[in-house]
Protein backbone atom coordinates (compact mmCIF):
# COMPACT_ATOMS: atom_id res chain seq x y z
CA MET A 1 126.32 12.69 53.26
CA ASP A 2 125.79 16.11 52.23
CA HIS A 3 124.66 17.00 48.48
CA LYS A 4 127.46 19.12 48.05
CA ILE A 5 130.09 16.47 48.96
CA TRP A 6 128.44 13.90 46.48
CA MET A 7 128.72 16.66 43.96
CA TYR A 8 132.50 17.11 44.61
CA LEU A 9 133.00 13.11 44.37
CA VAL A 10 130.94 13.09 40.97
CA TYR A 11 133.01 15.99 39.56
CA LEU A 12 136.22 14.65 40.52
CA ALA A 13 135.17 11.15 39.13
CA ILE A 14 134.13 12.58 35.78
CA SER A 15 136.73 15.11 35.30
CA VAL A 16 139.66 12.71 36.09
CA GLY A 17 137.98 10.30 33.90
CA LEU A 18 137.60 12.69 30.96
CA THR A 19 141.38 13.83 31.35
CA VAL A 20 142.90 10.56 31.32
CA TRP A 21 140.59 9.58 28.54
CA VAL A 22 141.18 12.51 26.26
CA ALA A 23 145.10 12.37 26.99
CA THR A 24 145.21 8.76 26.11
CA THR A 25 143.54 9.42 22.74
CA LEU A 26 145.42 12.44 22.02
CA SER A 27 148.68 10.57 22.54
CA ARG A 28 147.88 7.49 20.68
CA ASN A 29 146.45 9.38 17.56
CA GLY A 30 148.70 12.43 17.90
CA LEU A 31 152.03 10.40 17.66
CA VAL A 32 151.46 10.04 13.86
CA PHE A 33 151.10 13.74 13.73
CA LEU A 34 154.10 14.37 15.51
CA GLU A 35 156.33 12.11 13.68
CA ASP A 36 155.19 14.16 10.69
CA VAL A 37 156.21 17.36 12.31
CA PHE A 38 159.20 16.31 13.59
CA ALA A 39 160.48 13.79 10.99
CA ASP A 40 162.17 11.55 13.87
CA SER A 41 160.06 8.98 15.60
CA ARG A 42 162.11 9.12 18.91
CA LEU A 43 161.99 12.72 19.22
CA ALA A 44 158.14 12.49 18.24
CA LYS A 45 157.69 9.89 21.00
CA ALA A 46 159.83 12.00 23.45
CA VAL A 47 157.53 15.42 22.74
CA ASN A 48 154.45 12.97 22.91
CA HIS A 49 155.20 11.82 26.25
CA LEU A 50 156.15 15.46 27.42
CA LEU A 51 152.79 16.86 25.82
CA VAL A 52 150.73 14.14 27.88
CA MET A 53 152.53 14.80 31.01
CA GLY A 54 151.93 18.93 30.86
CA PHE A 55 148.14 17.93 29.65
CA TYR A 56 147.81 16.05 32.84
CA LEU A 57 149.60 18.62 35.07
CA LEU A 58 147.50 21.69 33.58
CA ASN A 59 143.98 20.15 33.30
CA LEU A 60 144.27 18.52 36.94
CA GLY A 61 145.45 21.53 38.39
CA TYR A 62 142.47 23.24 36.82
CA VAL A 63 140.22 20.51 38.08
CA ALA A 64 141.13 21.06 41.57
CA VAL A 65 141.32 24.79 41.52
CA ALA A 66 137.78 24.89 39.93
CA MET A 67 136.35 22.31 42.39
CA ARG A 68 135.62 24.71 44.88
CA SER A 69 132.03 25.98 44.97
CA ALA A 70 130.60 28.93 47.24
CA GLU A 71 127.02 27.99 45.97
CA SER A 72 125.08 25.99 48.39
CA VAL A 73 123.61 22.98 47.17
CA ARG A 74 120.10 22.51 48.66
CA ASP A 75 119.05 19.37 46.59
CA THR A 76 120.01 17.16 43.87
CA SER A 77 118.72 19.39 40.91
CA ARG A 78 120.87 22.27 42.07
CA GLY A 79 123.91 20.07 42.46
CA LEU A 80 123.76 18.44 39.01
CA GLU A 81 123.16 22.34 37.75
CA ILE A 82 126.37 23.12 39.40
CA LEU A 83 128.15 20.02 38.17
CA SER A 84 127.27 20.48 34.92
CA GLY A 85 128.67 23.74 34.73
CA LYS A 86 132.22 22.59 36.34
CA ILE A 87 132.29 19.82 33.90
CA GLY A 88 131.60 22.03 30.57
CA LEU A 89 134.14 24.53 31.86
CA VAL A 90 136.79 21.52 31.98
CA LEU A 91 135.55 20.33 28.52
CA LEU A 92 136.22 23.77 27.21
CA VAL A 93 139.85 23.71 29.06
CA LEU A 94 140.33 20.46 27.62
CA GLY A 95 139.56 21.62 24.22
CA LEU A 96 141.57 24.80 24.24
CA LEU A 97 144.55 23.11 25.23
CA HIS A 98 144.19 20.70 22.45
CA VAL A 99 143.65 23.10 19.84
CA LEU A 100 146.72 25.17 21.23
CA ASN A 101 148.65 22.40 20.66
CA VAL A 102 147.72 21.78 17.53
CA VAL A 103 148.48 25.52 16.15
CA VAL A 104 151.85 25.36 18.06
CA LEU A 105 152.91 22.11 16.31
CA GLY A 106 151.40 23.30 12.76
CA ARG A 107 153.47 26.21 12.78
CA TYR A 108 156.70 24.51 13.59
CA ARG A 109 155.62 21.67 11.19
CA ARG A 110 155.25 24.56 8.21
CA GLY A 111 158.56 26.09 9.19
CA ARG A 112 160.34 22.98 9.03
CA LEU A 113 158.84 22.37 5.61
CA ARG A 114 159.48 25.63 4.37
CA GLN A 115 163.35 25.37 5.26
CA GLN A 116 163.39 21.76 3.59
CA GLN A 117 162.30 23.41 0.08
CA PRO A 118 165.13 23.34 -2.31
CA LEU A 119 166.11 26.83 -3.38
CA PRO A 120 165.75 27.78 -7.20
CA PRO A 121 168.59 26.62 -9.46
CA LEU A 122 169.59 29.95 -10.59
CA PRO A 123 168.85 33.76 -9.24
CA PRO A 124 166.84 35.91 -11.09
CA ALA A 125 169.21 37.66 -13.93
CA GLY A 126 166.92 40.84 -14.54
CA ARG A 127 163.18 41.82 -15.09
CA LEU A 128 161.03 41.71 -18.33
CA PRO A 129 160.02 44.97 -19.60
CA MET A 130 156.52 46.15 -19.09
CA VAL A 131 153.95 45.76 -21.80
CA PRO A 132 151.88 48.87 -22.08
CA PRO A 133 148.15 48.20 -21.53
CA GLY A 134 146.12 47.20 -24.76
CA ALA A 135 149.08 45.90 -26.53
CA GLY A 136 149.65 42.27 -26.98
CA PRO A 137 153.33 40.43 -27.16
CA LEU A 138 152.95 41.32 -31.04
CA GLY A 139 151.99 44.72 -31.12
CA PRO A 140 148.40 46.58 -30.71
CA PRO A 141 145.14 44.39 -31.19
CA ALA A 142 143.83 43.79 -34.67
CA PHE A 143 140.15 44.79 -33.70
CA PRO A 144 139.13 47.63 -31.26
CA THR A 145 138.45 46.42 -27.57
CA THR A 146 136.26 48.90 -26.96
CA GLY A 147 132.97 50.64 -28.18
CA PRO A 148 130.00 48.90 -29.55
CA VAL A 149 130.29 45.93 -31.39
CA PRO A 150 129.51 45.89 -35.27
CA PRO A 151 126.38 44.00 -36.75
CA PRO A 152 127.65 40.70 -38.45
CA ALA A 153 127.92 41.24 -42.14
CA GLN A 154 125.08 40.09 -44.45
CA ALA A 155 125.46 37.77 -47.38
């Protein structure tokens, strides 16, 4: 068989294996996060399943599109170089999809928590008067706040 065909087969095996491993790991460990985000176990499981399916579709679609290579593979070392570049791109796509999911779900969670915060018991009734600079709550200070410090008194 040609070196390029071996490169394609290894690329598919590694890419699909990485995709399945990352998807199952994120699904298993992300369920706890989703239950906190949605505060509903059934909804979290359903969204988790939908996210896994979308993850598979996006990543395996990218793997299929990125598999084609116009470069000629003369020997094994060149095939490994091309293969490592392709696997690196798959890992970057996996990472970007994960970060995007975490950011979107984190924003949703913050909005939900903000809506659940209790309102203050009474609305503000007015404003307090402004205190002029240098004046404390009981009047002007008893000692100067600017200028040189006087020497201590000698006994």
